[in-house]
Amino acid sequence: MSDEEVVCMLREGDLDGDGALNEMEFCTLMFRLSPALMMDSKNLLVEAIVNL
């Protein structure tokens, strides 16, 4: 990954525009960048709804 790509990714994750990633912004960015984690979360949500 190039430096430019990293900077672009960090800007995308900086939701409050302060030039830094806080813990919540970092977690949100990592969650969005992890398709497997997204799929696991979707499966857990579907399972929870089915078991209501």
N, C-alpha and C. Protein backbone atom coordinates (compact mmCIF):
# COMPACT_ATOMS: atom_id res chain seq x y z
N MET A 1 0.85 -1.16 0.00
CA MET A 1 0.00 0.00 0.00
C MET A 1 0.91 1.23 0.00
N SER A 2 0.60 2.17 -0.87
CA SER A 2 1.43 3.37 -0.97
C SER A 2 1.10 4.36 0.15
N ASP A 3 2.01 5.30 0.37
CA ASP A 3 1.77 6.34 1.38
C ASP A 3 0.50 7.11 1.06
N GLU A 4 0.29 7.39 -0.21
CA GLU A 4 -0.89 8.14 -0.65
C GLU A 4 -2.18 7.38 -0.32
N GLU A 5 -2.16 6.07 -0.51
CA GLU A 5 -3.34 5.25 -0.20
C GLU A 5 -3.62 5.25 1.31
N VAL A 6 -2.57 5.19 2.10
CA VAL A 6 -2.73 5.21 3.56
C VAL A 6 -3.32 6.54 4.01
N VAL A 7 -2.79 7.64 3.49
CA VAL A 7 -3.29 8.97 3.85
C VAL A 7 -4.76 9.10 3.45
N CYS A 8 -5.09 8.62 2.27
CA CYS A 8 -6.48 8.66 1.78
C CYS A 8 -7.39 7.86 2.72
N MET A 9 -6.95 6.69 3.11
CA MET A 9 -7.73 5.83 3.99
C MET A 9 -7.93 6.51 5.35
N LEU A 10 -6.88 7.13 5.88
CA LEU A 10 -6.98 7.80 7.17
C LEU A 10 -7.92 9.01 7.09
N ARG A 11 -7.86 9.73 5.99
CA ARG A 11 -8.79 10.86 5.82
C ARG A 11 -10.23 10.38 5.79
N GLU A 12 -10.45 9.26 5.13
CA GLU A 12 -11.79 8.69 5.06
C GLU A 12 -12.29 8.31 6.46
N GLY A 13 -11.40 7.83 7.30
CA GLY A 13 -11.79 7.40 8.64
C GLY A 13 -11.92 8.54 9.64
N ASP A 14 -11.37 9.70 9.31
CA ASP A 14 -11.39 10.86 10.23
C ASP A 14 -12.75 11.55 10.14
N LEU A 15 -13.72 11.02 10.85
CA LEU A 15 -15.10 11.48 10.72
C LEU A 15 -15.32 12.89 11.27
N ASP A 16 -14.56 13.29 12.29
CA ASP A 16 -14.77 14.62 12.85
C ASP A 16 -13.84 15.68 12.26
N GLY A 17 -12.96 15.26 11.32
CA GLY A 17 -12.11 16.20 10.59
C GLY A 17 -11.02 16.86 11.41
N ASP A 18 -10.62 16.24 12.52
CA ASP A 18 -9.59 16.85 13.36
C ASP A 18 -8.17 16.46 12.94
N GLY A 19 -8.04 15.65 11.89
CA GLY A 19 -6.73 15.26 11.40
C GLY A 19 -6.13 14.06 12.10
N ALA A 20 -6.89 13.43 12.98
CA ALA A 20 -6.43 12.25 13.71
C ALA A 20 -7.58 11.28 13.86
N LEU A 21 -7.23 10.02 14.06
CA LEU A 21 -8.26 9.01 14.30
C LEU A 21 -8.37 8.76 15.80
N ASN A 22 -9.56 8.96 16.34
CA ASN A 22 -9.77 8.57 17.73
C ASN A 22 -10.10 7.08 17.75
N GLU A 23 -10.31 6.54 18.93
CA GLU A 23 -10.54 5.10 19.05
C GLU A 23 -11.78 4.64 18.27
N MET A 24 -12.87 5.39 18.36
CA MET A 24 -14.09 5.01 17.67
C MET A 24 -13.92 5.09 16.15
N GLU A 25 -13.25 6.13 15.66
CA GLU A 25 -13.01 6.26 14.22
C GLU A 25 -12.13 5.12 13.72
N PHE A 26 -11.11 4.76 14.49
CA PHE A 26 -10.23 3.66 14.12
C PHE A 26 -11.00 2.35 14.04
N CYS A 27 -11.80 2.08 15.06
CA CYS A 27 -12.57 0.83 15.08
C CYS A 27 -13.57 0.79 13.93
N THR A 28 -14.21 1.91 13.65
CA THR A 28 -15.16 1.98 12.54
C THR A 28 -14.46 1.72 11.22
N LEU A 29 -13.30 2.33 11.03
CA LEU A 29 -12.54 2.14 9.79
C LEU A 29 -12.10 0.68 9.64
N MET A 30 -11.58 0.08 10.70
CA MET A 30 -11.13 -1.31 10.63
C MET A 30 -12.30 -2.25 10.36
N PHE A 31 -13.44 -1.96 10.96
CA PHE A 31 -14.63 -2.77 10.74
C PHE A 31 -15.05 -2.72 9.28
N ARG A 32 -15.03 -1.51 8.70
CA ARG A 32 -15.43 -1.35 7.30
C ARG A 32 -14.44 -2.00 6.34
N LEU A 33 -13.18 -2.07 6.73
CA LEU A 33 -12.15 -2.64 5.86
C LEU A 33 -12.03 -4.15 5.98
N SER A 34 -12.80 -4.76 6.86
CA SER A 34 -12.71 -6.20 7.08
C SER A 34 -13.99 -6.90 6.63
N PRO A 35 -14.03 -7.36 5.38
CA PRO A 35 -15.24 -8.03 4.88
C PRO A 35 -15.63 -9.26 5.70
N ALA A 36 -14.67 -10.01 6.19
CA ALA A 36 -14.98 -11.21 6.98
C ALA A 36 -15.67 -10.81 8.28
N LEU A 37 -15.20 -9.75 8.90
CA LEU A 37 -15.82 -9.27 10.13
C LEU A 37 -17.24 -8.79 9.85
N MET A 38 -17.43 -8.13 8.72
CA MET A 38 -18.76 -7.67 8.33
C MET A 38 -19.70 -8.86 8.15
N MET A 39 -19.23 -9.92 7.50
CA MET A 39 -20.07 -11.09 7.26
C MET A 39 -20.41 -11.78 8.58
N ASP A 40 -19.43 -11.89 9.47
CA ASP A 40 -19.69 -12.50 10.78
C ASP A 40 -20.75 -11.70 11.54
N SER A 41 -20.65 -10.38 11.48
CA SER A 41 -21.63 -9.53 12.16
C SER A 41 -23.01 -9.69 11.56
N LYS A 42 -23.07 -9.78 10.25
CA LYS A 42 -24.35 -9.98 9.57
C LYS A 42 -24.98 -11.30 10.01
N ASN A 43 -24.17 -12.34 10.05
CA ASN A 43 -24.67 -13.66 10.46
C ASN A 43 -25.17 -13.64 11.90
N LEU A 44 -24.45 -12.96 12.79
CA LEU A 44 -24.88 -12.85 14.19
C LEU A 44 -26.19 -12.09 14.30
N LEU A 45 -26.35 -11.04 13.52
CA LEU A 45 -27.58 -10.26 13.54
C LEU A 45 -28.75 -11.07 13.03
N VAL A 46 -28.56 -11.78 11.93
CA VAL A 46 -29.63 -12.63 11.38
C VAL A 46 -30.01 -13.69 12.40
N GLU A 47 -29.03 -14.32 13.01
CA GLU A 47 -29.29 -15.35 14.02
C GLU A 47 -30.07 -14.78 15.21
N ALA A 48 -29.71 -13.58 15.64
CA ALA A 48 -30.40 -12.95 16.77
C ALA A 48 -31.86 -12.66 16.42
N ILE A 49 -32.10 -12.20 15.20
CA ILE A 49 -33.47 -11.89 14.77
C ILE A 49 -34.30 -13.17 14.67
N VAL A 50 -33.71 -14.21 14.13
CA VAL A 50 -34.42 -15.48 13.98
C VAL A 50 -34.80 -16.05 15.35
N ASN A 51 -33.94 -15.85 16.34
CA ASN A 51 -34.16 -16.42 17.67
C ASN A 51 -35.00 -15.54 18.59
N LEU A 52 -35.59 -14.47 18.08
CA LEU A 52 -36.41 -13.60 18.93
C LEU A 52 -37.63 -14.28 19.43
